[in-house]
Protein backbone atom coordinates (compact mmCIF):
# COMPACT_ATOMS: atom_id res chain seq x y z
CA MET A 1 -13.27 -61.34 -24.21
CA LYS A 2 -15.39 -64.60 -24.93
CA ASP A 3 -17.47 -65.05 -27.98
CA ASP A 4 -20.68 -64.43 -26.03
CA GLU A 5 -19.63 -61.38 -24.30
CA GLY A 6 -20.00 -57.50 -25.31
CA ILE A 7 -18.91 -54.15 -24.11
CA PHE A 8 -21.94 -51.77 -23.25
CA VAL A 9 -22.23 -48.20 -22.49
CA MET A 10 -24.14 -48.44 -19.09
CA ARG A 11 -24.57 -44.62 -18.74
CA PHE A 12 -22.60 -41.41 -19.26
CA ASN A 13 -23.06 -37.72 -18.36
CA ALA A 14 -21.35 -34.53 -19.25
CA GLU A 15 -20.04 -31.85 -16.90
CA THR A 16 -19.38 -28.44 -18.59
CA VAL A 17 -17.44 -25.50 -17.18
CA GLU A 18 -16.37 -22.29 -18.81
CA GLU A 19 -12.75 -22.15 -19.56
CA THR A 20 -10.82 -18.85 -19.39
CA TYR A 21 -7.38 -18.41 -21.05
CA LEU A 22 -5.15 -15.82 -19.50
CA ASP A 23 -1.47 -15.07 -20.13
CA GLY A 24 -1.01 -18.40 -22.00
CA GLU A 25 -2.74 -20.78 -19.47
CA MET A 26 -6.26 -22.17 -19.25
CA LEU A 27 -7.96 -21.30 -16.01
CA HIS A 28 -11.53 -22.57 -15.03
CA SER A 29 -13.90 -20.04 -14.63
CA SER A 30 -16.04 -20.08 -11.56
CA GLY A 31 -19.91 -19.97 -11.49
CA THR A 32 -20.48 -21.30 -15.02
CA SER A 33 -21.23 -25.10 -14.78
CA TRP A 34 -23.76 -27.43 -15.81
CA ASN A 35 -24.45 -31.19 -15.88
CA ASP A 36 -26.49 -32.65 -18.72
CA ARG A 37 -26.73 -35.32 -21.41
CA ASP A 38 -27.78 -38.20 -19.15
CA THR A 39 -29.03 -40.42 -21.98
CA SER A 40 -30.62 -43.74 -22.97
CA PHE A 41 -27.56 -44.56 -25.01
CA LYS A 42 -28.55 -47.11 -27.93
CA ASN A 43 -26.08 -50.04 -27.54
CA PRO A 44 -25.85 -52.54 -30.44
CA GLY A 45 -27.68 -55.84 -29.29
CA GLU A 46 -24.33 -57.75 -29.13
CA GLY A 47 -22.67 -54.76 -27.57
CA PHE A 48 -19.14 -53.33 -28.80
CA ALA A 49 -16.05 -55.37 -29.55
CA SER A 50 -13.72 -52.89 -27.68
CA ALA A 51 -13.84 -49.84 -25.23
CA THR A 52 -12.47 -47.79 -28.12
CA ASP A 53 -15.57 -48.83 -30.40
CA ALA A 54 -17.85 -48.05 -27.45
CA LEU A 55 -16.19 -44.56 -27.00
CA LYS A 56 -16.26 -43.75 -30.46
CA ALA A 57 -20.02 -44.27 -30.66
CA VAL A 58 -20.46 -42.05 -27.64
CA CYS A 59 -18.56 -39.40 -29.45
CA GLU A 60 -20.60 -39.87 -32.72
CA ALA A 61 -23.84 -39.70 -30.64
CA ASN A 62 -22.80 -36.27 -29.13
CA GLY A 63 -21.40 -34.91 -32.40
CA TYR A 64 -17.84 -34.98 -31.26
CA ASP A 65 -14.98 -36.12 -33.69
CA TRP A 66 -13.09 -39.13 -32.45
CA ASN A 67 -9.60 -38.46 -31.15
CA PRO A 68 -8.03 -41.05 -28.68
CA GLU A 69 -6.12 -38.36 -26.85
CA SER A 70 -9.35 -36.65 -25.92
CA TRP A 71 -9.86 -39.60 -23.42
CA ILE A 72 -7.84 -38.46 -20.38
CA SER A 73 -8.37 -41.18 -17.81
CA VAL A 74 -10.11 -44.35 -16.84
CA ASP A 75 -10.61 -45.65 -13.39
CA ASP A 76 -10.88 -48.96 -11.80
CA SER A 77 -14.65 -49.13 -11.87
CA GLY A 78 -14.52 -48.62 -15.66
CA ILE A 79 -15.40 -44.81 -15.86
CA TYR A 80 -13.83 -43.37 -18.62
CA THR A 81 -13.29 -39.55 -18.91
CA GLY A 82 -13.11 -37.63 -22.05
CA TYR A 83 -12.41 -33.79 -22.40
CA PHE A 84 -13.51 -31.72 -25.25
CA MET A 85 -13.67 -27.83 -25.90
CA VAL A 86 -17.16 -26.75 -26.77
CA ARG A 87 -19.12 -23.66 -27.92
CA TYR A 88 -22.21 -22.40 -25.89
CA ASP A 89 -24.32 -25.10 -27.33
CA ASN A 90 -22.15 -27.87 -26.35
CA SER A 91 -21.07 -28.37 -30.03
CA GLU A 92 -17.33 -29.28 -30.46
CA ALA A 93 -15.21 -26.00 -30.73
CA SER A 94 -13.25 -25.71 -34.05
CA LYS A 95 -9.55 -24.75 -34.27
CA GLU A 96 -10.82 -21.21 -35.38
CA ASP A 97 -12.87 -20.95 -32.27
CA ILE A 98 -9.99 -22.09 -30.06
CA SER A 99 -7.85 -19.47 -31.87
CA GLU A 100 -10.44 -16.67 -31.23
CA TRP A 101 -10.82 -17.81 -27.56
CA ARG A 102 -6.94 -17.62 -27.12
CA GLU A 103 -7.22 -14.07 -28.24
CA GLY A 104 -9.86 -13.28 -25.91
CA ASN A 105 -12.44 -12.89 -28.59
CA ALA A 106 -14.70 -15.69 -27.81
CA ARG A 107 -16.01 -17.84 -24.79
CA LEU A 108 -15.48 -21.69 -24.85
CA TRP A 109 -16.35 -24.37 -22.25
CA ALA A 110 -14.55 -27.35 -21.07
CA CYS A 111 -16.98 -30.60 -21.36
CA TYR A 112 -15.94 -33.47 -19.50
CA ILE A 113 -17.77 -36.66 -20.47
CA HIS A 114 -17.92 -39.56 -17.97
CA VAL A 115 -18.78 -42.81 -19.58
CA VAL A 116 -19.38 -46.11 -17.57
CA LEU A 117 -18.49 -49.35 -19.76
CA GLN A 118 -19.19 -52.89 -18.63
CA VAL A 119 -18.86 -56.27 -20.16
CA ARG A 120 -22.08 -58.26 -20.36
CA THR A 121 -22.70 -61.81 -21.48
CA ASN A 122 -25.15 -62.28 -24.45
CA ARG A 123 -26.69 -65.69 -24.00
CA PRO A 124 -30.29 -66.89 -23.71
CA LEU A 125 -31.44 -67.78 -20.08
CA THR A 126 -31.00 -71.38 -18.82
CA GLU A 127 -34.23 -73.09 -18.04
CA GLU A 128 -33.40 -72.81 -14.22
CA GLU A 129 -32.73 -69.01 -14.60
CA ALA A 130 -35.96 -68.51 -16.68
CA LYS A 131 -38.20 -70.00 -14.01
CA ILE A 132 -40.58 -67.61 -12.40
CA LYS A 133 -40.68 -68.60 -8.51
């Protein structure tokens, strides 16, 4: 990346579906899904130095612990997808919550966060670019 470039979070959203655990396997439950957290994310003025820094900031903004293994895919257009087990209020599930869920004593949801990152140039406009025509 050039000195005058930075990585910016363009947008992100979360898709959440209830997860059920049956006979040692996770199964998606039908009918319990919502899409939320579209946000006006606050990027630092110069952007982030790396995709990792940007994704860490998204985790922090949503109250999730950083774990690189939570980020399960990235596609050619720069959309990163993270996976988090969450409680009813979209707060990250603890190890104890997951144990209770596996025993059939709790409900948990899978939260898939989709984040669009782009590189942007941070430079002032040239005189020609600044002209109002």
